[in-house]
Amino acid sequence: MGPKYVIIKKGKKGAELFNYEKRYVTGVFDVEKVLDPTGAGDCFIGGISGFLSQSDEISFESIKSAIDYGTSLASFNVEEMGTKNLLNLSMNDVQTRVNKLK
């Protein structure tokens, strides 16, 4: 009974993923200057959802990757006011930050 996986968002302290056997803790991607944190959590969750919608399976490992992807997107969001920074992102930009998280 209950969910198979739980993600706890911790804002500027990252996030945690749990299931009955494992735990994954991630930090945030440090940016030079945070201009506007508004919407960062939405970008984080949207990134997770988008990543998982393209995945063949939902597993602990795929959710870990999705969290890294969401963290990368959120880091771009906080660097500008609103969502301006997200409009011209490439997948390469996002993947570069994902790689730096690992």
C-alpha atoms as a PDB file:
ATOM      1  CA  MET A   1       0.000   0.000   0.000  1.00  0.00           C
ATOM      2  CA  GLY A   2       1.120   3.523  -0.638  1.00  0.00           C
ATOM      3  CA  PRO A   3       3.413   5.014  -3.260  1.00  0.00           C
ATOM      4  CA  LYS A   4       6.383   3.094  -4.659  1.00  0.00           C
ATOM      5  CA  TYR A   5       8.521   6.246  -4.766  1.00  0.00           C
ATOM      6  CA  VAL A   6       8.486   9.555  -2.891  1.00  0.00           C
ATOM      7  CA  ILE A   7      10.323  12.731  -3.862  1.00  0.00           C
ATOM      8  CA  ILE A   8      10.795  15.410  -1.241  1.00  0.00           C
ATOM      9  CA  LYS A   9      11.600  18.849  -2.643  1.00  0.00           C
ATOM     10  CA  LYS A  10      13.886  20.822  -0.352  1.00  0.00           C
ATOM     11  CA  GLY A  11      14.217  24.052  -2.336  1.00  0.00           C
ATOM     12  CA  LYS A  12      17.748  25.423  -2.272  1.00  0.00           C
ATOM     13  CA  LYS A  13      18.840  22.319  -0.363  1.00  0.00           C
ATOM     14  CA  GLY A  14      18.032  19.940  -3.247  1.00  0.00           C
ATOM     15  CA  ALA A  15      15.746  16.926  -3.165  1.00  0.00           C
ATOM     16  CA  GLU A  16      15.494  13.375  -1.860  1.00  0.00           C
ATOM     17  CA  LEU A  17      14.066  10.269  -3.500  1.00  0.00           C
ATOM     18  CA  PHE A  18      12.997   7.292  -1.412  1.00  0.00           C
ATOM     19  CA  ASN A  19      11.535   3.887  -1.906  1.00  0.00           C
ATOM     20  CA  TYR A  20      11.380   0.947   0.509  1.00  0.00           C
ATOM     21  CA  GLU A  21      14.985  -0.045  -0.181  1.00  0.00           C
ATOM     22  CA  LYS A  22      16.944   2.963  -1.443  1.00  0.00           C
ATOM     23  CA  ARG A  23      17.526   6.654  -0.909  1.00  0.00           C
ATOM     24  CA  TYR A  24      18.965   9.235  -3.338  1.00  0.00           C
ATOM     25  CA  VAL A  25      19.940  12.708  -2.151  1.00  0.00           C
ATOM     26  CA  THR A  26      20.827  15.455  -4.589  1.00  0.00           C
ATOM     27  CA  GLY A  27      21.890  19.029  -4.181  1.00  0.00           C
ATOM     28  CA  VAL A  28      21.247  21.938  -6.482  1.00  0.00           C
ATOM     29  CA  PHE A  29      23.242  23.233  -9.410  1.00  0.00           C
ATOM     30  CA  ASP A  30      25.097  26.271  -8.099  1.00  0.00           C
ATOM     31  CA  VAL A  31      24.612  29.309 -10.298  1.00  0.00           C
ATOM     32  CA  GLU A  32      26.577  32.546 -10.084  1.00  0.00           C
ATOM     33  CA  LYS A  33      23.601  34.686  -9.164  1.00  0.00           C
ATOM     34  CA  VAL A  34      19.990  33.865  -8.348  1.00  0.00           C
ATOM     35  CA  LEU A  35      17.769  36.596  -9.761  1.00  0.00           C
ATOM     36  CA  ASP A  36      14.325  35.069  -9.282  1.00  0.00           C
ATOM     37  CA  PRO A  37      13.572  31.742  -7.578  1.00  0.00           C
ATOM     38  CA  THR A  38       9.881  32.001  -8.490  1.00  0.00           C
ATOM     39  CA  GLY A  39       8.836  28.923 -10.450  1.00  0.00           C
ATOM     40  CA  ALA A  40      12.000  26.910  -9.802  1.00  0.00           C
ATOM     41  CA  GLY A  41      10.011  24.172  -8.073  1.00  0.00           C
ATOM     42  CA  ASP A  42       7.562  24.054 -10.962  1.00  0.00           C
ATOM     43  CA  CYS A  43      10.467  23.755 -13.431  1.00  0.00           C
ATOM     44  CA  PHE A  44      11.928  20.994 -11.281  1.00  0.00           C
ATOM     45  CA  ILE A  45       8.713  18.962 -11.217  1.00  0.00           C
ATOM     46  CA  GLY A  46       7.956  19.743 -14.876  1.00  0.00           C
ATOM     47  CA  GLY A  47      11.419  18.521 -15.827  1.00  0.00           C
ATOM     48  CA  ILE A  48      10.888  15.304 -13.887  1.00  0.00           C
ATOM     49  CA  SER A  49       7.493  14.746 -15.503  1.00  0.00           C
ATOM     50  CA  GLY A  50       8.769  15.499 -19.000  1.00  0.00           C
ATOM     51  CA  PHE A  51      11.772  13.218 -18.590  1.00  0.00           C
ATOM     52  CA  LEU A  52       9.683  10.339 -17.256  1.00  0.00           C
ATOM     53  CA  SER A  53       7.090  10.760 -20.015  1.00  0.00           C
ATOM     54  CA  GLN A  54       9.880   9.922 -22.486  1.00  0.00           C
ATOM     55  CA  SER A  55      11.205   6.957 -20.472  1.00  0.00           C
ATOM     56  CA  ASP A  56      10.439   3.356 -21.311  1.00  0.00           C
ATOM     57  CA  GLU A  57      10.006   2.454 -17.641  1.00  0.00           C
ATOM     58  CA  ILE A  58       9.554   4.099 -14.281  1.00  0.00           C
ATOM     59  CA  SER A  59      12.231   2.809 -11.936  1.00  0.00           C
ATOM     60  CA  PHE A  60      14.363   4.158  -9.133  1.00  0.00           C
ATOM     61  CA  GLU A  61      17.186   4.776 -11.627  1.00  0.00           C
ATOM     62  CA  SER A  62      14.985   6.552 -14.163  1.00  0.00           C
ATOM     63  CA  ILE A  63      13.558   8.789 -11.433  1.00  0.00           C
ATOM     64  CA  LYS A  64      17.109   9.637 -10.275  1.00  0.00           C
ATOM     65  CA  SER A  65      17.926  10.722 -13.839  1.00  0.00           C
ATOM     66  CA  ALA A  66      14.670  12.683 -14.012  1.00  0.00           C
ATOM     67  CA  ILE A  67      15.540  14.511 -10.788  1.00  0.00           C
ATOM     68  CA  ASP A  68      18.900  15.521 -12.236  1.00  0.00           C
ATOM     69  CA  TYR A  69      17.140  16.759 -15.376  1.00  0.00           C
ATOM     70  CA  GLY A  70      14.609  18.735 -13.316  1.00  0.00           C
ATOM     71  CA  THR A  71      17.409  20.190 -11.192  1.00  0.00           C
ATOM     72  CA  SER A  72      19.176  21.360 -14.332  1.00  0.00           C
ATOM     73  CA  LEU A  73      16.045  23.080 -15.656  1.00  0.00           C
ATOM     74  CA  ALA A  74      15.370  24.759 -12.323  1.00  0.00           C
ATOM     75  CA  SER A  75      18.921  26.144 -12.279  1.00  0.00           C
ATOM     76  CA  PHE A  76      18.314  27.922 -15.590  1.00  0.00           C
ATOM     77  CA  ASN A  77      15.021  29.308 -14.318  1.00  0.00           C
ATOM     78  CA  VAL A  78      16.531  31.085 -11.288  1.00  0.00           C
ATOM     79  CA  GLU A  79      19.132  32.945 -13.364  1.00  0.00           C
ATOM     80  CA  GLU A  80      16.579  35.322 -14.955  1.00  0.00           C
ATOM     81  CA  MET A  81      13.245  36.903 -14.117  1.00  0.00           C
ATOM     82  CA  GLY A  82      10.333  34.633 -14.936  1.00  0.00           C
ATOM     83  CA  THR A  83      10.967  31.975 -17.560  1.00  0.00           C
ATOM     84  CA  LYS A  84      13.087  34.063 -19.954  1.00  0.00           C
ATOM     85  CA  ASN A  85      16.110  31.807 -19.606  1.00  0.00           C
ATOM     86  CA  LEU A  86      14.131  28.712 -20.577  1.00  0.00           C
ATOM     87  CA  LEU A  87      12.995  29.991 -23.956  1.00  0.00           C
ATOM     88  CA  ASN A  88      16.261  29.437 -25.820  1.00  0.00           C
ATOM     89  CA  LEU A  89      17.665  26.399 -24.015  1.00  0.00           C
ATOM     90  CA  SER A  90      19.052  23.538 -26.012  1.00  0.00           C
ATOM     91  CA  MET A  91      19.123  19.931 -24.880  1.00  0.00           C
ATOM     92  CA  ASN A  92      22.903  20.266 -24.889  1.00  0.00           C
ATOM     93  CA  ASP A  93      22.702  23.138 -22.360  1.00  0.00           C
ATOM     94  CA  VAL A  94      20.511  21.050 -20.075  1.00  0.00           C
ATOM     95  CA  GLN A  95      22.654  17.926 -20.447  1.00  0.00           C
ATOM     96  CA  THR A  96      25.838  19.855 -19.666  1.00  0.00           C
ATOM     97  CA  ARG A  97      24.445  20.829 -16.275  1.00  0.00           C
ATOM     98  CA  VAL A  98      23.091  17.337 -15.666  1.00  0.00           C
ATOM     99  CA  ASN A  99      26.593  15.967 -16.260  1.00  0.00           C
ATOM    100  CA  LYS A 100      28.068  18.466 -13.800  1.00  0.00           C
ATOM    101  CA  LEU A 101      25.623  17.305 -11.109  1.00  0.00           C
ATOM    102  CA  LYS A 102      27.014  13.784 -11.198  1.00  0.00           C
END
